Each structure stands twice: as structure tokens, then as C-alpha cells.
Protein backbone atom coordinates (compact mmCIF):
# COMPACT_ATOMS: atom_id res chain seq x y z
CA ILE A 1 2.37 33.49 6.59
CA SER A 2 2.60 37.87 5.84
CA TYR A 3 0.90 39.32 2.67
CA SER A 4 2.41 43.31 1.73
CA LEU A 5 0.79 44.72 -1.42
CA GLU A 6 2.46 47.18 -4.01
CA ILE A 7 1.05 49.18 -6.45
CA LEU A 8 3.09 48.59 -10.27
CA PHE A 9 0.59 50.32 -11.83
CA PRO A 10 -0.28 53.60 -11.77
CA GLN A 11 1.40 54.75 -8.45
CA GLU A 12 -1.82 57.12 -7.62
CA GLY A 13 -3.11 53.88 -6.88
CA ARG A 14 -1.62 53.33 -3.11
CA ASP A 15 -4.33 55.55 -1.73
CA VAL A 16 -6.75 53.24 -3.81
CA PHE A 17 -6.37 49.61 -2.04
CA GLY A 18 -5.08 47.71 1.25
CA ILE A 19 -4.42 44.42 1.94
CA ASP A 20 -4.42 42.41 5.45
CA ARG A 21 -1.47 41.52 6.26
CA LYS A 22 -2.40 38.10 7.78
CA SER A 23 -5.05 36.95 5.55
CA GLY A 24 -4.33 38.91 2.28
CA GLU A 25 -7.64 39.69 1.13
CA ILE A 26 -7.60 43.39 -0.86
CA ARG A 27 -10.00 45.93 0.33
CA LEU A 28 -10.64 49.34 -1.99
CA ARG A 29 -9.71 52.55 0.29
CA ASN A 30 -10.93 55.45 -1.96
CA GLY A 31 -14.02 54.51 -4.72
CA LEU A 32 -12.78 54.02 -8.24
CA ASP A 33 -13.63 55.88 -11.53
CA PHE A 34 -12.88 54.83 -14.59
CA GLU A 35 -12.73 58.58 -15.79
CA ASP A 36 -9.92 58.61 -14.17
CA VAL A 37 -8.25 55.13 -14.07
CA GLY A 38 -9.67 51.82 -16.38
CA LEU A 39 -6.93 49.69 -14.88
CA TYR A 40 -4.60 49.04 -11.68
CA ARG A 41 -1.99 46.35 -11.37
CA LEU A 42 -0.84 45.20 -8.05
CA GLN A 43 1.56 42.68 -6.76
CA VAL A 44 1.07 40.47 -3.64
CA ASP A 45 3.93 39.13 -2.00
CA ALA A 46 3.45 36.50 0.91
CA THR A 47 6.33 35.78 3.18
CA ASP A 48 6.52 32.87 5.39
CA GLN A 49 8.16 32.82 8.85
CA GLY A 50 10.45 29.97 8.57
CA ASN A 51 14.31 29.77 8.76
CA PRO A 52 15.07 30.65 6.07
CA PRO A 53 12.14 32.45 5.45
CA LEU A 54 10.26 32.00 2.03
CA SER A 55 8.53 34.27 -0.34
CA GLY A 56 5.97 34.26 -3.35
CA HIS A 57 4.02 36.60 -4.96
CA CYS A 58 1.15 37.13 -7.47
CA LYS A 59 0.13 39.83 -10.01
CA VAL A 60 -4.24 41.00 -9.37
CA VAL A 61 -4.94 43.31 -12.31
CA VAL A 62 -8.18 45.39 -11.67
CA GLU A 63 -10.35 46.79 -14.83
CA VAL A 64 -12.93 49.75 -13.84
CA LEU A 65 -15.52 49.40 -15.94
CA ASP A 66 -17.78 52.44 -16.62
CA VAL A 67 -20.90 51.42 -15.67
CA ASN A 68 -23.17 55.08 -17.12
CA ASP A 69 -22.82 53.95 -20.60
């Protein structure tokens, strides 16, 4: 299975998250700041190597909390 990541909202989130194509593990590439963006919507797509290849997807919502308040 091969995984890919699409940033649905906001578009500036492309530099924030990354995905391991083999394991599907989502990781931060840069820090998160509540004052900049409080919510990210991501879509993870999974595709197998069958003939024909089958795929599925799920939505991941990341809510950033302000721990200073």
C-alpha cells in the first residue's frame, strides 16, 4: 500500500505536514502556531499495488490548541 497526503485547508499547510509513503505515518515538517492557523484538514489516500489498483481515503482534522492561555 502506498500513502499520499493532500492538504484540503488551508493551502499554506503544504509545508507543515508530510507523510511516509510506505507506513502512512503523518509527521510535522514545521512548527504549529495557534495564532497563524487553528485548524488543518488533510486527506490521506491509500492505493494498493493490485491489478487494477484499488484506493481509499480518509479525512484527518488537526486542531491546534493555544496552551499559553
